[in-house]
Amino acid sequence: MKLKSEGLTLEILQGAVSKAVAIGGVDMTQGARHGSGDEAVYDAKTDAVTLSGKNAVATDPKQGQIQGTRLLVRNGGDIAVMEGAPDGRVVSKFKVQK
């Protein structure tokens, strides 16, 4: 995973990153997946990434795109949870598998 942001904090346990918190203009790349938002939190133990912000977006070329104020992606992108602001909405665009 590659994270670009204004600020990045890493927790390292036994020589490996156990948690990463990126804040401000987050741009995330994980293989072919791409995400952006105001904040990203990666938890190595659960292999989950949470993107949040006014217009957080995660795109996967095989599965499609999700957008909301808080996006949780787990298991290499197989599980996605989307949340919107109380008066907002979430958007998901899925690719049909042949």
C-alpha atoms as a PDB file:
ATOM      1  CA  MET A   1       0.000   0.000   0.000  1.00  0.00           C
ATOM      2  CA  LYS A   2       1.124   3.530  -0.781  1.00  0.00           C
ATOM      3  CA  LEU A   3      -0.254   6.487   1.165  1.00  0.00           C
ATOM      4  CA  LYS A   4       0.273  10.137   0.285  1.00  0.00           C
ATOM      5  CA  SER A   5      -1.009  12.783   2.676  1.00  0.00           C
ATOM      6  CA  GLU A   6      -0.156  15.960   4.543  1.00  0.00           C
ATOM      7  CA  GLY A   7       0.518  13.974   7.730  1.00  0.00           C
ATOM      8  CA  LEU A   8       1.284  10.310   8.370  1.00  0.00           C
ATOM      9  CA  THR A   9       1.677   8.444  11.662  1.00  0.00           C
ATOM     10  CA  LEU A  10       2.904   4.853  11.753  1.00  0.00           C
ATOM     11  CA  GLU A  11       2.759   2.344  14.592  1.00  0.00           C
ATOM     12  CA  ILE A  12       5.485  -0.251  14.203  1.00  0.00           C
ATOM     13  CA  LEU A  13       5.417  -3.550  16.050  1.00  0.00           C
ATOM     14  CA  GLN A  14       8.296  -6.022  15.749  1.00  0.00           C
ATOM     15  CA  GLY A  15       9.662  -4.245  12.669  1.00  0.00           C
ATOM     16  CA  ALA A  16       6.366  -4.152  10.742  1.00  0.00           C
ATOM     17  CA  VAL A  17       3.679  -1.492  10.386  1.00  0.00           C
ATOM     18  CA  SER A  18       0.721  -2.444  12.592  1.00  0.00           C
ATOM     19  CA  LYS A  19      -1.286   0.748  12.018  1.00  0.00           C
ATOM     20  CA  ALA A  20      -1.047   3.764   9.725  1.00  0.00           C
ATOM     21  CA  VAL A  21      -3.017   6.986  10.044  1.00  0.00           C
ATOM     22  CA  ALA A  22      -2.890   9.460   7.154  1.00  0.00           C
ATOM     23  CA  ILE A  23      -4.508  12.896   7.538  1.00  0.00           C
ATOM     24  CA  GLY A  24      -5.113  15.653   5.002  1.00  0.00           C
ATOM     25  CA  GLY A  25      -5.498  15.169   1.252  1.00  0.00           C
ATOM     26  CA  VAL A  26      -5.139  11.396   1.418  1.00  0.00           C
ATOM     27  CA  ASP A  27      -4.324   9.544  -1.791  1.00  0.00           C
ATOM     28  CA  MET A  28      -4.096   5.766  -1.351  1.00  0.00           C
ATOM     29  CA  THR A  29      -3.004   3.092  -3.803  1.00  0.00           C
ATOM     30  CA  GLN A  30      -3.247  -0.615  -2.995  1.00  0.00           C
ATOM     31  CA  GLY A  31      -2.428  -2.697  -6.043  1.00  0.00           C
ATOM     32  CA  ALA A  32      -4.966  -1.676  -8.706  1.00  0.00           C
ATOM     33  CA  ARG A  33      -7.250  -0.076  -6.098  1.00  0.00           C
ATOM     34  CA  HIS A  34      -7.282   3.654  -5.492  1.00  0.00           C
ATOM     35  CA  GLY A  35      -8.849   5.744  -2.754  1.00  0.00           C
ATOM     36  CA  SER A  36      -8.978   9.333  -1.617  1.00  0.00           C
ATOM     37  CA  GLY A  37     -10.383  11.242   1.333  1.00  0.00           C
ATOM     38  CA  ASP A  38      -9.506  13.485   4.255  1.00  0.00           C
ATOM     39  CA  GLU A  39      -8.275  10.626   6.456  1.00  0.00           C
ATOM     40  CA  ALA A  40      -7.236   6.989   6.064  1.00  0.00           C
ATOM     41  CA  VAL A  41      -6.630   4.459   8.821  1.00  0.00           C
ATOM     42  CA  TYR A  42      -5.017   1.107   8.026  1.00  0.00           C
ATOM     43  CA  ASP A  43      -5.133  -1.723  10.588  1.00  0.00           C
ATOM     44  CA  ALA A  44      -2.738  -4.541   9.681  1.00  0.00           C
ATOM     45  CA  LYS A  45      -4.308  -6.973  12.167  1.00  0.00           C
ATOM     46  CA  THR A  46      -7.679  -6.890  10.376  1.00  0.00           C
ATOM     47  CA  ASP A  47      -6.234  -5.892   6.965  1.00  0.00           C
ATOM     48  CA  ALA A  48      -8.824  -3.103   6.852  1.00  0.00           C
ATOM     49  CA  VAL A  49      -8.628   0.434   5.500  1.00  0.00           C
ATOM     50  CA  THR A  50     -11.094   3.112   6.591  1.00  0.00           C
ATOM     51  CA  LEU A  51     -11.297   6.188   4.351  1.00  0.00           C
ATOM     52  CA  SER A  52     -13.271   9.160   5.602  1.00  0.00           C
ATOM     53  CA  GLY A  53     -14.056  12.703   4.586  1.00  0.00           C
ATOM     54  CA  LYS A  54     -16.714  14.768   2.874  1.00  0.00           C
ATOM     55  CA  ASN A  55     -16.254  12.883  -0.412  1.00  0.00           C
ATOM     56  CA  ALA A  56     -14.267   9.736   0.345  1.00  0.00           C
ATOM     57  CA  VAL A  57     -13.956   7.506  -2.733  1.00  0.00           C
ATOM     58  CA  ALA A  58     -12.564   4.008  -3.279  1.00  0.00           C
ATOM     59  CA  THR A  59     -12.236   2.548  -6.775  1.00  0.00           C
ATOM     60  CA  ASP A  60     -11.416  -1.021  -7.792  1.00  0.00           C
ATOM     61  CA  PRO A  61     -11.110  -1.763 -11.535  1.00  0.00           C
ATOM     62  CA  LYS A  62     -12.725  -5.202 -11.109  1.00  0.00           C
ATOM     63  CA  GLN A  63     -15.465  -4.384  -8.583  1.00  0.00           C
ATOM     64  CA  GLY A  64     -16.368  -0.738  -9.195  1.00  0.00           C
ATOM     65  CA  GLN A  65     -16.517   2.412  -7.093  1.00  0.00           C
ATOM     66  CA  ILE A  66     -17.914   3.404  -3.696  1.00  0.00           C
ATOM     67  CA  GLN A  67     -18.356   6.910  -2.324  1.00  0.00           C
ATOM     68  CA  GLY A  68     -19.517   8.235   1.050  1.00  0.00           C
ATOM     69  CA  THR A  69     -18.323  10.003   4.190  1.00  0.00           C
ATOM     70  CA  ARG A  70     -16.834   6.822   5.724  1.00  0.00           C
ATOM     71  CA  LEU A  71     -15.727   3.780   3.758  1.00  0.00           C
ATOM     72  CA  LEU A  72     -14.422   0.571   5.308  1.00  0.00           C
ATOM     73  CA  VAL A  73     -12.745  -1.905   2.962  1.00  0.00           C
ATOM     74  CA  ARG A  74     -11.603  -5.323   4.228  1.00  0.00           C
ATOM     75  CA  ASN A  75     -10.306  -8.641   2.907  1.00  0.00           C
ATOM     76  CA  GLY A  76      -8.538  -7.211  -0.119  1.00  0.00           C
ATOM     77  CA  GLY A  77     -11.633  -5.309  -1.226  1.00  0.00           C
ATOM     78  CA  ASP A  78     -14.115  -8.194  -0.978  1.00  0.00           C
ATOM     79  CA  ILE A  79     -16.035  -6.537   1.871  1.00  0.00           C
ATOM     80  CA  ALA A  80     -17.039  -2.865   1.798  1.00  0.00           C
ATOM     81  CA  VAL A  81     -19.107  -0.891   4.291  1.00  0.00           C
ATOM     82  CA  MET A  82     -20.299   2.599   3.332  1.00  0.00           C
ATOM     83  CA  GLU A  83     -21.712   5.345   5.509  1.00  0.00           C
ATOM     84  CA  GLY A  84     -23.059   8.761   4.584  1.00  0.00           C
ATOM     85  CA  ALA A  85     -23.660  11.929   6.550  1.00  0.00           C
ATOM     86  CA  PRO A  86     -27.093  12.085   8.260  1.00  0.00           C
ATOM     87  CA  ASP A  87     -28.489  14.142   5.394  1.00  0.00           C
ATOM     88  CA  GLY A  88     -26.118  12.722   2.775  1.00  0.00           C
ATOM     89  CA  ARG A  89     -26.008   9.620   0.679  1.00  0.00           C
ATOM     90  CA  VAL A  90     -23.649   6.891  -0.378  1.00  0.00           C
ATOM     91  CA  VAL A  91     -23.007   5.850  -3.965  1.00  0.00           C
ATOM     92  CA  SER A  92     -21.849   2.491  -5.242  1.00  0.00           C
ATOM     93  CA  LYS A  93     -21.180   1.505  -8.833  1.00  0.00           C
ATOM     94  CA  PHE A  94     -20.528  -2.187  -9.373  1.00  0.00           C
ATOM     95  CA  LYS A  95     -19.222  -3.913 -12.453  1.00  0.00           C
ATOM     96  CA  VAL A  96     -21.270  -6.864 -13.662  1.00  0.00           C
ATOM     97  CA  GLN A  97     -19.222 -10.048 -13.841  1.00  0.00           C
ATOM     98  CA  LYS A  98     -19.654 -12.102 -17.000  1.00  0.00           C
END
